[in-house]
């Protein structure tokens, strides 16, 4: 009851207009009063979305200006844009200057507002570890942080330690090896690749400290206490778009400041041991071929993905495969139920008890060791065999600015499931229709050669006889390998030095796997363009933008394994 008893009320002025200001419970409101003492428009701001309160007249953007006056104070808060298409509207920094009748009244307002802020926002970060990728996207990471992010952190009283990455996996190594005591979260200023580094570092460190083996597919991984924040500065920024609804550095920064917390499912990919973690997509066939082909054209920048996509589409490849999956409970949700996972999603909120049945609700899930063997992979597996244009597994909708609905529009962020999309062999026009529907409002699954399943686990293998055929093809591809070798070589991407340690068998073994990956791409002749050498029997896996060194893999979904500084996409029609 004491927490709701904070109450201040007085007349304040904004410019020449008088307002009745009121702080009570969770809101700070001010109502315009006309000359006849009648109330007009009221503006109300949740205390949880107040960024800061400063004495005097203060401006932060575009340049910081401070005018110290005895009667004024400035309130900074989250302001939602009226622009947008219903979801994913951008946030901006709202600013209002109030003039008080006396200095004593001003000091009372400042004190009470700051007290309410501490009371109602106890989970806000105070110290953050920031990683900046200076090479991602349009190479504007440093500029974005120093011009847009750092001033807002300073306003909110957040201190930050900044690390500018110098090589691949720099951020992941830092998280695994350095002392992180005192940090409330890790932030990446970059794209999806940079986020993946932080993801692997945070999960790996958490499992090491909990004594959990990441290589054991049957074990329940320890949920990670350290939050991850994303300041979009990459080419696609799929994870940021899917969890916030827009790729805007200011919006993301404000979510971090107010301490938003969004649980996120993570898929672990195994071949005998852990290979990699994924949150957005594990794709075989078309998406794997596009990534492999794009490695030859890195000099083209982001345009290489469009070019490679066109070339791979013209090749019209399909691949044999044996798919096995463990279906999720269809009574809880379905990938065809035409719902969206938005902020406050009921399905995700109700999944915590199911995912962690032995969890004591009186303690924090993310600070309690919940390690135990899981029964999540028990059940009746379904087998599907055939030729596929692509096989995709995604733990989220994987939406982006080009594909606002994403790979699976009804996928959930934190329900402990993933959506498995199987696109069987079809004619080029049919496949183009499927791809084009990702960019419009038509249902990309409403096609006879497409099926989608909500799953908890997934396996992929080659049908009997295909492995031998692959070996014979590799023997016949020596000449292709020799010619492709000169073209494919890119030391920055394919020969980057990697690491030590365990997340570390995964962490230490990346260099060797990278070499294997490179040779596989060379052997399989992704040099054809529209004039293919000959049909290939095996593709490669695209795991969140990285080529996996194995074809036969097993995937498991770990529900609510990490937490982001986000709240899911807001429906601005009801926000």
Foldseek 3Di string as FASTA:
>chain_A
DVLQALWDWDWKDFVPWIWIWIDGGQKTKIWTADPVRDTDDMDIAGLLFWQAKAAADWDPPPHTDGDHDQFKMKTWGWDFDPDDDQWQTFIDIDMTMIGHPGSVSVVVVRVSSVVSNCSPQVQAWAEEEEEEECPAAPSCLVVCCVRAQVSSCVRNNHHYDYDYDDAQLRLLVCLQPDDPPRGQAYEYRHALSRVQSVVLSQQVNQCVVLVHFQFDPQKFGQFGRHAYFYQYDHNWRLVCCFFAVDRHRNRSSSLNRSNAKDFFKKKFKDDSGTQGIFAFKKKFALVLLLLLLLLLVCVVPPCSSVQSSQQSLLQQAKAWKKKKFAFDPVVLDWLPPPDAAFFPRPLQVVQPCVQQVPDDPVDDSNVDGSMDGDCQPDDDMDIDTAIFNMKMKHQTQSATPQQSCRPRNHHYGFNQKIKIKTAHRDDSVLVVVLVVCSRDVDDSQPDPRMDMGIGFKMWMDGPPPLVVVQVVLLVVQPVQLVVCVVSSDDCRPQQTDFDAAVCGVNGNCPNVLSVLQSSVSSSQNSPQGSRGPDHDHGGFIQRSSDTGNDRIIMMGMNGSRHMYSGRGMHRVVVD
